[in-house]
Amino acid sequence: MLRHFAAILCFLMPALGMAQQARENGAAELRWLDRTTGVLQNIIVSQEAPIKLGPLEIHLHSCRSPLGDVSPDAFALVQVKDWPRDEMLFEGWMVASSPALNALEHPRYDVWVLRCKTL
């Protein structure tokens, strides 16, 4: 876990100057994939309302994007649980421009952030 945090911190170092110019959004658009059935779905998750898709429960804690049209990037703090088992599958920052940098590791499901949304 510490190694993932260090990798993300190194990746975000150049963006720290933009952190003061970031906008906090109330929701995020995520993409969910069930590899077994091939179902691909875009979902909107707000900070107040976690959603359930199959056995996954997805919580959005924060979604930040740079101000202006400089970058279409999004940084989302997401928590994914297997709710029937009450098991945490993922907890951390997902980056829209680099979905593989810090990804949900599950044999059947993929979840990644696309963009921040304003409600």
N, C-alpha and C. Protein backbone atom coordinates (compact mmCIF):
# COMPACT_ATOMS: atom_id res chain seq x y z
N MET A 1 0.83 -1.19 0.00
CA MET A 1 0.00 0.00 0.00
C MET A 1 0.87 1.25 0.00
N LEU A 2 1.90 1.25 0.81
CA LEU A 2 2.80 2.40 0.87
C LEU A 2 3.50 2.60 -0.47
N ARG A 3 3.81 1.51 -1.14
CA ARG A 3 4.47 1.59 -2.45
C ARG A 3 3.54 2.26 -3.47
N HIS A 4 2.23 1.91 -3.41
CA HIS A 4 1.26 2.54 -4.32
C HIS A 4 1.17 4.03 -4.03
N PHE A 5 1.14 4.40 -2.76
CA PHE A 5 1.06 5.81 -2.38
C PHE A 5 2.28 6.57 -2.88
N ALA A 6 3.46 5.97 -2.74
CA ALA A 6 4.69 6.62 -3.20
C ALA A 6 4.67 6.81 -4.71
N ALA A 7 4.18 5.80 -5.44
CA ALA A 7 4.11 5.90 -6.90
C ALA A 7 3.15 7.00 -7.32
N ILE A 8 2.02 7.10 -6.65
CA ILE A 8 1.04 8.13 -6.98
C ILE A 8 1.60 9.51 -6.65
N LEU A 9 2.27 9.63 -5.51
CA LEU A 9 2.85 10.91 -5.11
C LEU A 9 3.88 11.38 -6.13
N CYS A 10 4.73 10.46 -6.61
CA CYS A 10 5.73 10.82 -7.61
C CYS A 10 5.05 11.25 -8.91
N PHE A 11 3.96 10.58 -9.26
CA PHE A 11 3.23 10.91 -10.47
C PHE A 11 2.58 12.28 -10.37
N LEU A 12 2.08 12.62 -9.18
CA LEU A 12 1.36 13.87 -9.00
C LEU A 12 2.25 15.06 -8.68
N MET A 13 3.53 14.83 -8.42
CA MET A 13 4.44 15.93 -8.06
C MET A 13 4.37 17.09 -9.05
N PRO A 14 4.42 16.85 -10.38
CA PRO A 14 4.35 17.98 -11.30
C PRO A 14 3.01 18.71 -11.22
N ALA A 15 1.97 18.02 -10.81
CA ALA A 15 0.64 18.63 -10.75
C ALA A 15 0.39 19.39 -9.45
N LEU A 16 1.30 19.33 -8.51
CA LEU A 16 1.08 19.99 -7.23
C LEU A 16 0.88 21.49 -7.40
N GLY A 17 1.53 22.08 -8.37
CA GLY A 17 1.33 23.50 -8.63
C GLY A 17 -0.09 23.80 -9.08
N MET A 18 -0.73 22.83 -9.72
CA MET A 18 -2.10 23.01 -10.17
C MET A 18 -3.09 22.70 -9.06
N ALA A 19 -2.64 22.11 -7.96
CA ALA A 19 -3.55 21.72 -6.89
C ALA A 19 -4.32 22.90 -6.33
N GLN A 20 -3.69 24.07 -6.29
CA GLN A 20 -4.36 25.26 -5.79
C GLN A 20 -5.42 25.74 -6.76
N GLN A 21 -5.33 25.33 -8.02
CA GLN A 21 -6.27 25.75 -9.03
C GLN A 21 -7.22 24.62 -9.39
N ALA A 22 -7.37 23.64 -8.52
CA ALA A 22 -8.25 22.51 -8.79
C ALA A 22 -9.65 22.80 -8.29
N ARG A 23 -10.59 22.20 -8.93
CA ARG A 23 -11.99 22.35 -8.58
C ARG A 23 -12.47 21.03 -7.95
N GLU A 24 -13.14 21.14 -6.82
CA GLU A 24 -13.73 19.97 -6.15
C GLU A 24 -15.14 19.82 -6.71
N ASN A 25 -15.44 18.63 -7.21
CA ASN A 25 -16.73 18.36 -7.81
C ASN A 25 -17.54 17.42 -6.92
N GLY A 26 -18.84 17.45 -7.06
CA GLY A 26 -19.71 16.64 -6.20
C GLY A 26 -19.97 15.25 -6.71
N ALA A 27 -19.49 14.94 -7.92
CA ALA A 27 -19.76 13.62 -8.50
C ALA A 27 -18.66 13.26 -9.50
N ALA A 28 -18.66 12.01 -9.90
CA ALA A 28 -17.71 11.54 -10.90
C ALA A 28 -18.41 10.57 -11.84
N GLU A 29 -17.94 10.56 -13.08
CA GLU A 29 -18.42 9.56 -14.03
C GLU A 29 -17.38 8.45 -14.07
N LEU A 30 -17.82 7.25 -13.77
CA LEU A 30 -16.96 6.08 -13.75
C LEU A 30 -17.41 5.12 -14.83
N ARG A 31 -16.52 4.25 -15.24
CA ARG A 31 -16.89 3.18 -16.17
C ARG A 31 -16.71 1.87 -15.43
N TRP A 32 -17.71 1.00 -15.58
CA TRP A 32 -17.75 -0.29 -14.91
C TRP A 32 -17.82 -1.37 -15.99
N LEU A 33 -16.99 -2.40 -15.87
CA LEU A 33 -16.94 -3.50 -16.83
C LEU A 33 -17.06 -4.82 -16.10
N ASP A 34 -17.99 -5.64 -16.56
CA ASP A 34 -18.10 -7.04 -16.11
C ASP A 34 -17.45 -7.88 -17.21
N ARG A 35 -16.27 -8.38 -16.95
CA ARG A 35 -15.52 -9.12 -17.98
C ARG A 35 -16.18 -10.43 -18.36
N THR A 36 -16.96 -11.02 -17.48
CA THR A 36 -17.60 -12.30 -17.76
C THR A 36 -18.74 -12.14 -18.77
N THR A 37 -19.58 -11.13 -18.58
CA THR A 37 -20.73 -10.93 -19.47
C THR A 37 -20.45 -9.92 -20.58
N GLY A 38 -19.38 -9.14 -20.44
CA GLY A 38 -19.06 -8.12 -21.42
C GLY A 38 -19.85 -6.84 -21.26
N VAL A 39 -20.61 -6.71 -20.17
CA VAL A 39 -21.41 -5.51 -19.93
C VAL A 39 -20.48 -4.36 -19.55
N LEU A 40 -20.61 -3.26 -20.29
CA LEU A 40 -19.83 -2.05 -20.05
C LEU A 40 -20.83 -0.93 -19.79
N GLN A 41 -20.65 -0.21 -18.69
CA GLN A 41 -21.63 0.78 -18.29
C GLN A 41 -20.95 2.00 -17.71
N ASN A 42 -21.37 3.20 -18.15
CA ASN A 42 -20.92 4.44 -17.52
C ASN A 42 -21.90 4.77 -16.40
N ILE A 43 -21.36 5.15 -15.25
CA ILE A 43 -22.20 5.45 -14.09
C ILE A 43 -21.78 6.77 -13.49
N ILE A 44 -22.73 7.48 -12.91
CA ILE A 44 -22.46 8.72 -12.18
C ILE A 44 -22.59 8.40 -10.70
N VAL A 45 -21.52 8.68 -9.95
CA VAL A 45 -21.52 8.44 -8.50
C VAL A 45 -21.34 9.79 -7.81
N SER A 46 -22.26 10.11 -6.91
CA SER A 46 -22.12 11.36 -6.16
C SER A 46 -21.49 11.05 -4.81
N GLN A 47 -20.96 12.08 -4.18
CA GLN A 47 -20.31 11.90 -2.88
C GLN A 47 -21.31 11.46 -1.82
N GLU A 48 -22.55 11.85 -1.93
CA GLU A 48 -23.53 11.53 -0.91
C GLU A 48 -24.16 10.15 -1.08
N ALA A 49 -24.09 9.59 -2.29
CA ALA A 49 -24.85 8.37 -2.57
C ALA A 49 -24.00 7.28 -3.21
N PRO A 50 -23.46 6.36 -2.40
CA PRO A 50 -22.75 5.23 -2.99
C PRO A 50 -23.73 4.38 -3.82
N ILE A 51 -23.19 3.68 -4.80
CA ILE A 51 -24.05 2.84 -5.62
C ILE A 51 -23.59 1.39 -5.56
N LYS A 52 -24.51 0.48 -5.88
CA LYS A 52 -24.22 -0.95 -5.92
C LYS A 52 -24.42 -1.46 -7.34
N LEU A 53 -23.41 -2.16 -7.83
CA LEU A 53 -23.47 -2.82 -9.13
C LEU A 53 -23.01 -4.25 -8.90
N GLY A 54 -23.92 -5.20 -9.04
CA GLY A 54 -23.57 -6.58 -8.71
C GLY A 54 -23.14 -6.63 -7.26
N PRO A 55 -22.03 -7.30 -6.98
CA PRO A 55 -21.55 -7.37 -5.59
C PRO A 55 -20.70 -6.18 -5.18
N LEU A 56 -20.50 -5.21 -6.09
CA LEU A 56 -19.64 -4.07 -5.78
C LEU A 56 -20.45 -2.90 -5.24
N GLU A 57 -19.92 -2.27 -4.21
CA GLU A 57 -20.47 -1.02 -3.68
C GLU A 57 -19.39 0.03 -3.86
N ILE A 58 -19.72 1.11 -4.58
CA ILE A 58 -18.74 2.12 -4.95
C ILE A 58 -19.06 3.42 -4.23
N HIS A 59 -18.07 3.91 -3.48
CA HIS A 59 -18.17 5.18 -2.75
C HIS A 59 -17.22 6.18 -3.38
N LEU A 60 -17.69 7.39 -3.60
CA LEU A 60 -16.84 8.48 -4.06
C LEU A 60 -16.62 9.42 -2.89
N HIS A 61 -15.36 9.64 -2.53
CA HIS A 61 -15.05 10.55 -1.44
C HIS A 61 -14.68 11.94 -1.95
N SER A 62 -14.06 11.98 -3.13
CA SER A 62 -13.64 13.27 -3.68
C SER A 62 -13.38 13.09 -5.17
N CYS A 63 -13.65 14.14 -5.94
CA CYS A 63 -13.28 14.17 -7.35
C CYS A 63 -12.78 15.57 -7.65
N ARG A 64 -11.56 15.67 -8.14
CA ARG A 64 -10.92 16.95 -8.39
C ARG A 64 -10.47 17.02 -9.84
N SER A 65 -10.63 18.19 -10.41
CA SER A 65 -10.17 18.42 -11.78
C SER A 65 -9.58 19.82 -11.86
N PRO A 66 -8.61 20.01 -12.76
CA PRO A 66 -8.00 21.34 -12.90
C PRO A 66 -9.02 22.35 -13.41
N LEU A 67 -8.86 23.59 -13.00
CA LEU A 67 -9.73 24.66 -13.50
C LEU A 67 -9.41 24.96 -14.95
N GLY A 68 -10.40 25.39 -15.69
CA GLY A 68 -10.20 25.75 -17.08
C GLY A 68 -10.09 24.53 -17.98
N ASP A 69 -9.71 24.76 -19.20
CA ASP A 69 -9.60 23.69 -20.19
C ASP A 69 -8.16 23.27 -20.42
N VAL A 70 -7.31 23.49 -19.43
CA VAL A 70 -5.90 23.13 -19.56
C VAL A 70 -5.74 21.62 -19.68
N SER A 71 -6.51 20.88 -18.88
CA SER A 71 -6.41 19.43 -18.87
C SER A 71 -7.78 18.84 -18.59
N PRO A 72 -8.17 17.83 -19.34
CA PRO A 72 -9.45 17.17 -19.08
C PRO A 72 -9.31 16.09 -18.00
N ASP A 73 -8.24 16.13 -17.24
CA ASP A 73 -7.96 15.06 -16.29
C ASP A 73 -8.85 15.14 -15.05
N ALA A 74 -8.98 14.01 -14.38
CA ALA A 74 -9.75 13.92 -13.15
C ALA A 74 -9.00 13.02 -12.18
N PHE A 75 -9.08 13.38 -10.90
CA PHE A 75 -8.48 12.61 -9.83
C PHE A 75 -9.60 12.29 -8.85
N ALA A 76 -9.93 11.02 -8.70
CA ALA A 76 -11.06 10.63 -7.85
C ALA A 76 -10.59 9.71 -6.72
N LEU A 77 -11.00 10.04 -5.51
CA LEU A 77 -10.73 9.21 -4.35
C LEU A 77 -11.93 8.27 -4.21
N VAL A 78 -11.69 6.99 -4.47
CA VAL A 78 -12.76 6.00 -4.59
C VAL A 78 -12.51 4.84 -3.63
N GLN A 79 -13.61 4.29 -3.17
CA GLN A 79 -13.58 3.09 -2.32
C GLN A 79 -14.54 2.07 -2.94
N VAL A 80 -14.05 0.85 -3.17
CA VAL A 80 -14.87 -0.21 -3.75
C VAL A 80 -14.88 -1.38 -2.78
N LYS A 81 -16.09 -1.80 -2.40
CA LYS A 81 -16.25 -2.92 -1.47
C LYS A 81 -17.03 -4.05 -2.13
N ASP A 82 -16.72 -5.27 -1.73
CA ASP A 82 -17.57 -6.42 -2.05
C ASP A 82 -18.58 -6.47 -0.91
N TRP A 83 -19.76 -5.89 -1.12
CA TRP A 83 -20.70 -5.70 -0.01
C TRP A 83 -21.27 -7.00 0.57
N PRO A 84 -21.50 -8.08 -0.20
CA PRO A 84 -21.98 -9.29 0.46
C PRO A 84 -20.95 -9.89 1.44
N ARG A 85 -19.67 -9.73 1.11
CA ARG A 85 -18.60 -10.26 1.97
C ARG A 85 -18.07 -9.22 2.95
N ASP A 86 -18.50 -7.97 2.80
CA ASP A 86 -17.99 -6.85 3.60
C ASP A 86 -16.47 -6.80 3.54
N GLU A 87 -15.95 -6.88 2.29
CA GLU A 87 -14.50 -6.91 2.05
C GLU A 87 -14.11 -5.71 1.20
N MET A 88 -13.10 -4.97 1.63
CA MET A 88 -12.60 -3.82 0.88
C MET A 88 -11.75 -4.33 -0.28
N LEU A 89 -12.10 -3.96 -1.51
CA LEU A 89 -11.36 -4.38 -2.70
C LEU A 89 -10.38 -3.31 -3.19
N PHE A 90 -10.77 -2.05 -2.99
CA PHE A 90 -9.93 -0.95 -3.46
C PHE A 90 -10.23 0.29 -2.63
N GLU A 91 -9.17 1.04 -2.34
CA GLU A 91 -9.32 2.32 -1.66
C GLU A 91 -8.14 3.19 -2.07
N GLY A 92 -8.42 4.27 -2.78
CA GLY A 92 -7.34 5.14 -3.20
C GLY A 92 -7.76 6.08 -4.31
N TRP A 93 -6.76 6.78 -4.86
CA TRP A 93 -6.99 7.74 -5.93
C TRP A 93 -6.91 7.04 -7.27
N MET A 94 -7.88 7.31 -8.13
CA MET A 94 -7.85 6.87 -9.53
C MET A 94 -7.63 8.11 -10.38
N VAL A 95 -6.82 7.97 -11.43
CA VAL A 95 -6.48 9.08 -12.31
C VAL A 95 -7.03 8.76 -13.69
N ALA A 96 -7.85 9.66 -14.22
CA ALA A 96 -8.51 9.41 -15.51
C ALA A 96 -7.52 9.20 -16.65
N SER A 97 -6.45 9.97 -16.68
CA SER A 97 -5.50 9.86 -17.79
C SER A 97 -4.60 8.63 -17.69
N SER A 98 -4.54 8.00 -16.51
CA SER A 98 -3.70 6.80 -16.31
C SER A 98 -4.47 5.77 -15.49
N PRO A 99 -5.47 5.12 -16.10
CA PRO A 99 -6.30 4.19 -15.33
C PRO A 99 -5.55 3.00 -14.75
N ALA A 100 -4.45 2.61 -15.36
CA ALA A 100 -3.69 1.46 -14.87
C ALA A 100 -2.75 1.81 -13.72
N LEU A 101 -2.56 3.11 -13.46
CA LEU A 101 -1.63 3.53 -12.41
C LEU A 101 -2.03 3.01 -11.05
N ASN A 102 -3.29 3.10 -10.70
CA ASN A 102 -3.79 2.64 -9.41
C ASN A 102 -5.19 2.09 -9.67
N ALA A 103 -5.27 0.82 -10.02
CA ALA A 103 -6.52 0.23 -10.50
C ALA A 103 -7.10 -0.79 -9.53
N LEU A 104 -8.39 -0.99 -9.66
CA LEU A 104 -9.07 -2.07 -8.94
C LEU A 104 -8.54 -3.39 -9.49
N GLU A 105 -8.07 -4.26 -8.60
CA GLU A 105 -7.58 -5.56 -9.03
C GLU A 105 -8.61 -6.61 -8.63
N HIS A 106 -9.44 -7.01 -9.60
CA HIS A 106 -10.50 -7.98 -9.37
C HIS A 106 -10.55 -8.90 -10.58
N PRO A 107 -10.76 -10.20 -10.38
CA PRO A 107 -10.75 -11.12 -11.52
C PRO A 107 -11.92 -10.92 -12.48
N ARG A 108 -13.03 -10.34 -12.03
CA ARG A 108 -14.21 -10.21 -12.88
C ARG A 108 -14.55 -8.76 -13.26
N TYR A 109 -14.35 -7.81 -12.36
CA TYR A 109 -14.81 -6.44 -12.57
C TYR A 109 -13.67 -5.44 -12.71
N ASP A 110 -13.90 -4.44 -13.56
CA ASP A 110 -13.01 -3.29 -13.68
C ASP A 110 -13.84 -2.05 -13.41
N VAL A 111 -13.24 -1.09 -12.70
CA VAL A 111 -13.86 0.21 -12.46
C VAL A 111 -12.77 1.24 -12.65
N TRP A 112 -13.06 2.29 -13.42
CA TRP A 112 -12.10 3.38 -13.55
C TRP A 112 -12.82 4.70 -13.75
N VAL A 113 -12.14 5.79 -13.41
CA VAL A 113 -12.73 7.13 -13.48
C VAL A 113 -12.56 7.68 -14.90
N LEU A 114 -13.59 8.37 -15.38
CA LEU A 114 -13.55 9.03 -16.67
C LEU A 114 -13.40 10.54 -16.53
N ARG A 115 -14.24 11.14 -15.65
CA ARG A 115 -14.24 12.60 -15.47
C ARG A 115 -15.01 12.97 -14.22
N CYS A 116 -14.77 14.17 -13.75
CA CYS A 116 -15.55 14.72 -12.65
C CYS A 116 -16.81 15.37 -13.22
N LYS A 117 -17.85 15.39 -12.42
CA LYS A 117 -19.12 15.99 -12.82
C LYS A 117 -19.56 16.97 -11.74
N THR A 118 -20.23 18.02 -12.15
CA THR A 118 -20.81 18.97 -11.22
C THR A 118 -22.29 18.72 -11.15
N LEU A 119 -22.80 18.60 -9.95
CA LEU A 119 -24.23 18.35 -9.78
C LEU A 119 -25.01 19.63 -9.72
